[in-house]
Protein backbone atom coordinates (compact mmCIF):
# COMPACT_ATOMS: atom_id res chain seq x y z
CA MET A 1 26.74 -24.05 -3.53
CA THR A 2 27.40 -24.31 0.18
CA GLY A 3 31.08 -23.57 -0.36
CA LEU A 4 30.28 -20.47 -2.43
CA LYS A 5 27.95 -19.20 0.28
CA ALA A 6 30.62 -19.71 2.93
CA ARG A 7 33.20 -17.82 0.88
CA LEU A 8 30.78 -14.90 0.39
CA VAL A 9 30.15 -14.75 4.12
CA GLN A 10 33.89 -14.77 4.79
CA TRP A 11 34.42 -12.01 2.22
CA GLY A 12 31.66 -9.92 3.79
CA ASP A 13 33.08 -10.41 7.29
CA LYS A 14 36.54 -9.42 6.06
CA TYR A 15 35.73 -6.39 3.92
CA LEU A 16 32.35 -5.23 5.28
CA PRO A 17 32.13 -4.89 9.03
CA GLY A 18 28.65 -4.98 10.57
CA GLN A 19 28.12 -1.23 10.41
CA GLY A 20 29.24 -1.13 6.77
CA LYS A 21 26.66 -3.77 5.84
CA LEU A 22 23.92 -1.69 7.39
CA LYS A 23 25.02 1.39 5.48
CA ILE A 24 25.00 -0.50 2.18
CA LEU A 25 21.59 -1.97 2.89
CA ALA A 26 20.27 1.48 3.82
CA ALA A 27 21.75 2.96 0.62
CA LEU A 28 20.20 0.22 -1.52
CA LEU A 29 16.85 0.72 0.18
CA GLY A 30 17.09 4.48 -0.42
CA VAL A 31 17.85 3.97 -4.11
CA TYR A 32 14.95 1.54 -4.39
CA LEU A 33 12.52 4.01 -2.79
CA VAL A 34 13.70 6.84 -5.04
CA VAL A 35 13.20 4.69 -8.15
CA ILE A 36 9.75 3.65 -6.94
CA LEU A 37 8.75 7.26 -6.26
CA VAL A 38 9.98 8.43 -9.67
CA LEU A 39 8.07 5.62 -11.37
CA ALA A 40 4.96 6.39 -9.33
CA PHE A 41 5.11 10.04 -10.38
CA TYR A 42 5.69 9.13 -14.04
CA TRP A 43 2.96 6.50 -14.10
CA SER A 44 0.46 8.89 -12.48
CA ARG A 45 0.36 11.14 -15.56
CA THR A 46 -2.78 10.49 -17.60
CA PRO A 47 -2.49 10.39 -21.41
CA ALA A 48 -3.38 13.32 -23.63
CA VAL A 49 -6.30 13.25 -26.05
CA PHE A 50 -5.41 11.95 -29.53
CA ASP A 51 -6.86 12.69 -32.97
CA VAL A 52 -9.41 9.96 -33.77
CA THR A 53 -9.27 10.46 -37.54
CA GLU A 54 -5.49 10.16 -37.63
CA ARG A 55 -5.59 7.09 -35.41
CA ALA A 56 -8.25 5.41 -37.56
CA SER A 57 -6.21 6.21 -40.69
CA ALA A 58 -3.18 4.56 -39.09
CA TYR A 59 -5.16 1.35 -38.58
CA ALA A 60 -6.84 1.42 -41.99
CA THR A 61 -5.32 0.87 -45.43
CA VAL A 62 -7.18 3.68 -47.18
CA ASP A 63 -6.67 7.44 -47.09
CA SER A 64 -8.21 9.43 -44.24
CA ASP A 65 -10.65 11.16 -46.62
CA GLN A 66 -11.89 7.78 -47.87
CA LEU A 67 -12.56 6.01 -44.58
CA PRO A 68 -15.75 3.92 -44.81
CA VAL A 69 -18.47 4.67 -42.29
CA GLY A 70 -17.77 3.05 -38.94
CA VAL A 71 -14.00 2.88 -39.31
CA THR A 72 -13.46 6.07 -37.29
CA THR A 73 -15.61 4.86 -34.39
CA THR A 74 -13.98 1.43 -34.39
CA GLY A 75 -10.54 3.04 -34.65
CA ALA A 76 -11.34 5.32 -31.71
CA LEU A 77 -12.29 2.32 -29.59
CA ILE A 78 -9.11 0.50 -30.58
CA GLY A 79 -7.02 3.60 -29.87
CA VAL A 80 -8.57 4.13 -26.43
CA VAL A 81 -8.04 0.50 -25.38
CA GLU A 82 -4.49 0.49 -26.74
CA THR A 83 -3.71 3.66 -24.79
CA LEU A 84 -5.14 2.02 -21.69
CA LEU A 85 -2.70 -0.87 -22.07
CA GLU A 86 0.38 0.92 -23.43
CA LYS A 87 0.51 4.17 -21.46
CA PRO A 88 3.39 4.61 -18.96
CA GLY A 89 3.16 1.78 -16.46
CA GLY A 90 0.70 -0.13 -18.60
CA PHE A 91 -2.58 -1.30 -17.09
CA LEU A 92 -2.30 -0.64 -13.34
CA TYR A 93 -5.77 -1.59 -12.10
CA ASN A 94 -4.72 -5.19 -11.36
CA ASP A 95 -1.15 -4.51 -10.13
CA LEU A 96 -0.01 -6.34 -7.01
CA LEU A 97 3.53 -4.93 -6.83
CA PRO A 98 4.82 -1.42 -6.11
CA PRO A 99 4.51 1.23 -7.23
CA GLY A 100 1.29 0.24 -9.04
CA VAL A 101 -0.29 -1.30 -5.95
CA TRP A 102 0.21 1.99 -4.08
CA LEU A 103 -1.53 4.09 -6.72
CA ASP A 104 -5.29 4.52 -6.78
CA ASN A 105 -5.97 7.62 -8.89
CA VAL A 106 -4.74 6.21 -12.20
CA PRO A 107 -6.47 2.83 -11.67
CA SER A 108 -9.69 4.75 -11.05
CA TRP A 109 -9.07 6.70 -14.28
CA GLU A 110 -8.50 3.39 -16.06
CA TYR A 111 -11.79 2.02 -14.72
CA GLY A 112 -13.72 4.98 -16.13
CA VAL A 113 -12.07 4.47 -19.53
CA LEU A 114 -12.74 0.74 -19.41
CA ILE A 115 -16.45 1.16 -18.60
CA GLN A 116 -16.96 3.48 -21.59
CA SER A 117 -15.02 1.09 -23.85
CA ARG A 118 -17.22 -1.79 -22.73
CA ASP A 119 -20.38 0.23 -23.37
CA LEU A 120 -19.30 1.17 -26.90
CA ALA A 121 -18.23 -2.41 -27.65
CA ARG A 122 -21.67 -3.59 -26.54
CA GLY A 123 -23.31 -0.94 -28.70
CA LEU A 124 -21.26 -2.08 -31.69
CA ARG A 125 -22.21 -5.70 -31.12
CA GLU A 126 -25.91 -5.18 -30.39
CA VAL A 127 -27.03 -2.42 -32.75
CA LEU A 128 -24.38 -0.51 -34.67
CA SER A 129 -23.27 -3.55 -36.68
CA ARG A 130 -26.78 -5.01 -37.15
CA SER A 131 -29.55 -3.85 -39.47
CA GLN A 132 -32.36 -5.09 -37.20
CA SER A 133 -32.96 -7.05 -34.02
CA GLN A 134 -33.36 -10.35 -35.89
CA SER A 135 -30.08 -10.05 -37.81
CA THR A 136 -27.04 -12.07 -36.77
CA GLU A 137 -24.23 -10.64 -34.66
CA ASP A 138 -20.89 -9.82 -36.20
CA PRO A 139 -18.52 -12.72 -35.37
CA ASP A 140 -15.57 -10.48 -34.46
CA LEU A 141 -17.62 -8.18 -32.23
CA SER A 142 -19.27 -11.13 -30.50
CA MET A 143 -15.77 -12.24 -29.46
CA ALA A 144 -14.37 -8.79 -28.64
CA GLU A 145 -17.17 -7.57 -26.36
CA PRO A 146 -17.02 -10.34 -23.71
CA ARG A 147 -13.22 -10.07 -23.56
CA LEU A 148 -13.42 -6.36 -22.78
CA ASN A 149 -15.84 -7.28 -20.00
CA PHE A 150 -13.31 -9.62 -18.40
CA ASP A 151 -12.55 -8.96 -14.71
CA ALA A 152 -10.20 -5.97 -14.46
CA ASP A 153 -8.70 -7.29 -11.19
CA SER A 154 -7.21 -10.47 -12.65
CA TRP A 155 -3.41 -10.44 -12.36
CA VAL A 156 -2.63 -13.84 -13.90
CA LEU A 157 -4.24 -16.99 -15.37
CA PRO A 158 -5.36 -15.13 -17.37
CA ALA A 159 -4.25 -11.56 -16.83
CA SER A 160 -6.76 -8.85 -17.65
CA GLU A 161 -4.33 -7.37 -20.18
CA SER A 162 -4.20 -10.60 -22.20
CA GLN A 163 -7.99 -10.64 -22.54
CA TYR A 164 -8.11 -6.98 -23.59
CA ARG A 165 -5.38 -7.57 -26.18
CA GLU A 166 -7.39 -10.45 -27.62
CA ALA A 167 -10.35 -8.06 -27.84
CA LEU A 168 -8.14 -5.64 -29.78
CA ASP A 169 -7.25 -8.39 -32.26
CA TYR A 170 -10.95 -8.99 -32.96
CA LEU A 171 -11.63 -5.25 -33.25
CA HIS A 172 -8.78 -4.90 -35.75
CA SER A 173 -10.28 -7.78 -37.71
CA TYR A 174 -13.69 -6.08 -37.75
CA LEU A 175 -12.11 -2.81 -38.90
CA ARG A 176 -10.26 -4.54 -41.76
CA ARG A 177 -13.50 -6.17 -42.88
CA LEU A 178 -15.32 -2.83 -42.70
CA GLU A 179 -12.93 -1.23 -45.17
CA ASP A 180 -12.96 -4.23 -47.50
CA THR A 181 -15.39 -3.34 -50.30
CA ASP A 182 -15.55 -7.02 -51.34
CA ASP A 183 -16.79 -8.12 -47.90
CA SER A 184 -20.41 -7.11 -47.26
CA ASP A 185 -20.73 -9.16 -44.05
CA ALA A 186 -19.13 -6.47 -41.87
CA GLN A 187 -21.38 -3.44 -41.53
CA PHE A 188 -21.78 -0.28 -39.47
CA TYR A 189 -25.23 1.30 -39.63
CA ALA A 190 -25.02 5.04 -38.95
CA ARG A 191 -28.68 5.65 -38.14
CA ALA A 192 -30.26 8.08 -35.73
CA ASP A 193 -31.85 5.30 -33.66
CA ASN A 194 -28.51 3.52 -33.30
CA LEU A 195 -26.82 6.68 -32.09
CA ARG A 196 -29.67 7.25 -29.61
CA TYR A 197 -29.23 3.69 -28.29
CA TRP A 198 -25.59 4.28 -27.40
CA LEU A 199 -26.22 7.80 -26.06
CA ASP A 200 -28.87 6.38 -23.73
CA THR A 201 -26.15 4.30 -22.05
CA VAL A 202 -23.82 7.29 -21.88
CA ASP A 203 -26.61 9.36 -20.33
CA SER A 204 -27.12 6.77 -17.59
CA ARG A 205 -23.41 6.54 -16.79
CA LEU A 206 -22.91 10.30 -16.59
CA GLY A 207 -26.01 10.74 -14.44
CA SER A 208 -24.66 8.28 -11.88
CA LEU A 209 -21.22 9.90 -11.88
CA SER A 210 -22.73 13.35 -11.42
CA GLN A 211 -24.63 12.19 -8.33
CA ARG A 212 -21.57 10.51 -6.82
CA LEU A 213 -19.44 13.60 -7.42
CA SER A 214 -22.05 15.90 -5.90
CA ALA A 215 -22.28 13.67 -2.84
CA SER A 216 -18.71 14.58 -1.89
CA VAL A 217 -20.10 17.19 0.53
CA GLY A 218 -23.06 15.09 1.62
CA GLN A 219 -26.68 15.82 0.81
CA ARG A 220 -30.11 15.01 2.15
CA ARG A 221 -32.28 14.04 -0.79
CA LEU A 222 -35.95 13.25 -1.13
CA ASN A 223 -36.68 9.79 -2.46
CA THR A 224 -37.97 10.24 -6.03
CA ASP A 225 -37.63 6.60 -7.10
CA LEU A 226 -41.35 6.19 -7.83
CA ALA A 227 -42.15 9.76 -8.85
CA GLY A 228 -44.38 10.18 -11.89
CA ASP A 229 -46.27 6.90 -11.60
CA ALA A 230 -48.93 6.56 -8.91
CA SER A 231 -49.23 2.78 -9.47
CA ALA A 232 -45.48 2.11 -9.35
CA ARG A 233 -44.11 -0.28 -6.73
CA GLN A 234 -40.67 -1.35 -5.50
CA SER A 235 -39.30 -4.44 -3.80
CA THR A 236 -38.69 -3.02 -0.32
CA ILE A 237 -39.81 0.08 1.52
CA ALA A 238 -37.34 2.95 1.32
CA PRO A 239 -37.21 6.05 3.54
CA ARG A 240 -38.78 9.24 2.21
CA GLU A 241 -35.57 11.17 2.78
CA VAL A 242 -32.04 9.79 2.60
CA GLU A 243 -28.58 11.20 3.25
CA VAL A 244 -26.11 10.58 0.42
CA ARG A 245 -22.40 11.04 1.03
CA THR A 246 -19.38 9.67 -0.81
CA PRO A 247 -16.87 8.26 1.75
CA TRP A 248 -13.89 10.60 2.08
CA THR A 249 -11.53 7.77 1.14
CA GLN A 250 -13.31 7.40 -2.21
CA ILE A 251 -13.61 11.07 -3.22
CA ASP A 252 -10.43 11.18 -5.30
CA ASN A 253 -11.25 7.78 -6.83
CA VAL A 254 -14.65 8.97 -8.02
CA PHE A 255 -13.07 12.16 -9.36
CA PHE A 256 -10.52 10.29 -11.47
CA GLU A 257 -13.10 7.74 -12.62
CA ALA A 258 -15.13 10.67 -13.95
CA ARG A 259 -12.02 12.12 -15.55
CA GLY A 260 -11.28 8.81 -17.29
CA THR A 261 -14.90 8.49 -18.39
CA ALA A 262 -14.83 11.94 -19.96
CA TRP A 263 -11.45 11.26 -21.61
CA ALA A 264 -12.81 8.17 -23.38
CA LEU A 265 -16.08 9.87 -24.32
CA ILE A 266 -14.27 12.77 -25.99
CA HIS A 267 -12.76 10.30 -28.47
CA PHE A 268 -15.95 8.33 -29.02
CA LEU A 269 -18.08 11.43 -29.56
CA ARG A 270 -15.55 12.93 -31.97
CA ALA A 271 -15.65 9.67 -33.91
CA ALA A 272 -19.46 9.76 -33.90
CA GLU A 273 -19.27 13.28 -35.28
CA VAL A 274 -17.46 11.79 -38.32
CA ASP A 275 -19.42 8.57 -38.84
CA PHE A 276 -22.85 10.07 -38.11
CA ALA A 277 -22.16 13.31 -39.98
CA ASP A 278 -25.10 12.90 -42.39
CA VAL A 279 -27.53 12.05 -39.58
CA LEU A 280 -26.39 14.99 -37.48
CA GLU A 281 -26.58 17.36 -40.44
CA LYS A 282 -30.11 16.24 -41.27
CA LYS A 283 -31.17 16.89 -37.67
CA ASN A 284 -29.08 20.09 -37.53
CA ALA A 285 -27.46 18.57 -34.43
CA GLN A 286 -23.75 18.99 -35.15
CA VAL A 287 -23.45 21.95 -32.81
CA SER A 288 -25.25 20.02 -30.04
CA LEU A 289 -22.70 17.22 -30.23
CA GLN A 290 -19.83 19.70 -30.36
CA GLN A 291 -21.11 21.40 -27.21
CA ILE A 292 -21.13 18.06 -25.39
CA ILE A 293 -17.52 17.48 -26.43
CA ARG A 294 -16.57 20.97 -25.27
CA GLU A 295 -18.09 20.38 -21.83
CA LEU A 296 -16.18 17.11 -21.50
CA GLU A 297 -12.94 18.79 -22.59
CA GLY A 298 -13.25 21.01 -19.53
CA THR A 299 -12.76 17.94 -17.33
CA GLN A 300 -9.27 17.41 -18.75
CA GLN A 301 -7.77 20.66 -17.49
CA THR A 302 -4.50 20.47 -15.56
CA ILE A 303 -4.95 19.84 -11.84
CA TRP A 304 -2.62 22.26 -10.08
CA SER A 305 -3.42 21.07 -6.58
CA PRO A 306 -1.22 18.24 -5.22
CA MET A 307 -4.38 16.52 -3.99
CA ILE A 308 -8.11 16.47 -4.73
CA LEU A 309 -9.64 18.99 -2.33
CA ASN A 310 -13.03 18.46 -0.75
CA GLY A 311 -13.97 21.86 0.61
CA SER A 312 -17.60 22.59 1.46
CA GLY A 313 -19.78 23.98 -1.28
CA MET A 314 -19.32 27.64 -0.29
CA GLY A 315 -16.27 27.23 1.97
CA LEU A 316 -12.73 28.58 1.85
CA LEU A 317 -11.23 25.61 0.04
CA ALA A 318 -12.05 24.38 -3.46
CA ASN A 319 -14.12 21.27 -4.05
CA HIS A 320 -12.76 19.60 -7.16
CA SER A 321 -15.58 17.03 -7.18
CA LEU A 322 -18.24 19.74 -7.47
CA VAL A 323 -16.33 21.37 -10.33
CA MET A 324 -16.13 18.03 -12.12
CA ALA A 325 -19.83 17.41 -11.39
CA SER A 326 -20.67 20.72 -13.06
CA TYR A 327 -18.99 19.69 -16.33
CA ILE A 328 -20.43 16.17 -16.22
CA SER A 329 -23.95 17.42 -15.45
CA ARG A 330 -23.92 19.93 -18.30
CA ALA A 331 -22.66 17.29 -20.72
CA ASN A 332 -25.33 14.90 -19.48
CA ALA A 333 -28.10 17.48 -19.95
CA ALA A 334 -26.85 18.19 -23.47
CA ILE A 335 -26.86 14.46 -24.28
CA ILE A 336 -30.50 14.23 -23.15
CA ASP A 337 -31.36 17.14 -25.45
CA LEU A 338 -29.46 15.52 -28.33
CA ARG A 339 -31.31 12.22 -27.85
CA GLU A 340 -34.65 14.03 -27.99
CA LEU A 341 -33.53 15.87 -31.12
CA LEU A 342 -32.53 12.59 -32.79
CA SER A 343 -35.91 11.04 -31.98
CA ARG A 344 -37.82 13.64 -34.00
CA GLY A 345 -38.78 12.84 -37.53
């Protein structure tokens, strides 16, 4: 080994003078940077929305017009998580090497998708697959849900991706059992109260995102934490008026988290439109759900600016966060109305 190294050094000294070595190293470094930049650009493109019925049909063994109730929702969850793992660059949130470690917009998008996937998986495990609170949990969903909740920052031992792929295996197993007419253990209960349960979580998530997006320009807000209940108390005293502002370094991250959240919700709500069709028709609520989806679709428009702008509310420059907050807020308000509609007899 030592002899080989010595011969290489002699060859380099003979054929590559000092200046030539530097030029080759500079050329190699330039090629490396170009490749990294091209990959970074390619990996920064977020996936397009897919057809949930077609995706569920691809996972199932029956025709698309014969899908049992619940298969479309489960297929949408599987499709969203698979896209999260198999899109260009794969799952970037836990990357430690370039170019993934240099990107923050796509990892923020991934986090929004992941949060919605976790919420739906919890809804499937806790209510959608159970007839009542005293019934037993589905064995596949009880294994899938905690794996989707595994730390997204883990790079190895185990990697986050390995846990999410195990969750997909359990979700596929649940879907196969759902479509098996000889297996009555796997169920999906498309009831109005179950849909309201999941929408309540969605409502809370969107409300928080809307506030964080709106805080891009900074706001002074009155403290309304205890409003509506004169006897209410809280752990520590809070000021009557607070200033809320999203740090400028986090503005684009919050924007893309909201974009990822909306992307995942478009699929889940379209699946709910299929599986809860009878419930929605009975409540005459199909158009309400469709309006929510339409508001969320507005968040997926092409971003023509090379960066997320943070102009003042009425200033010369655009404020992309406030535009996103507008779509999210309208979708959130429509979800609140839909939940109230579903609660009526």
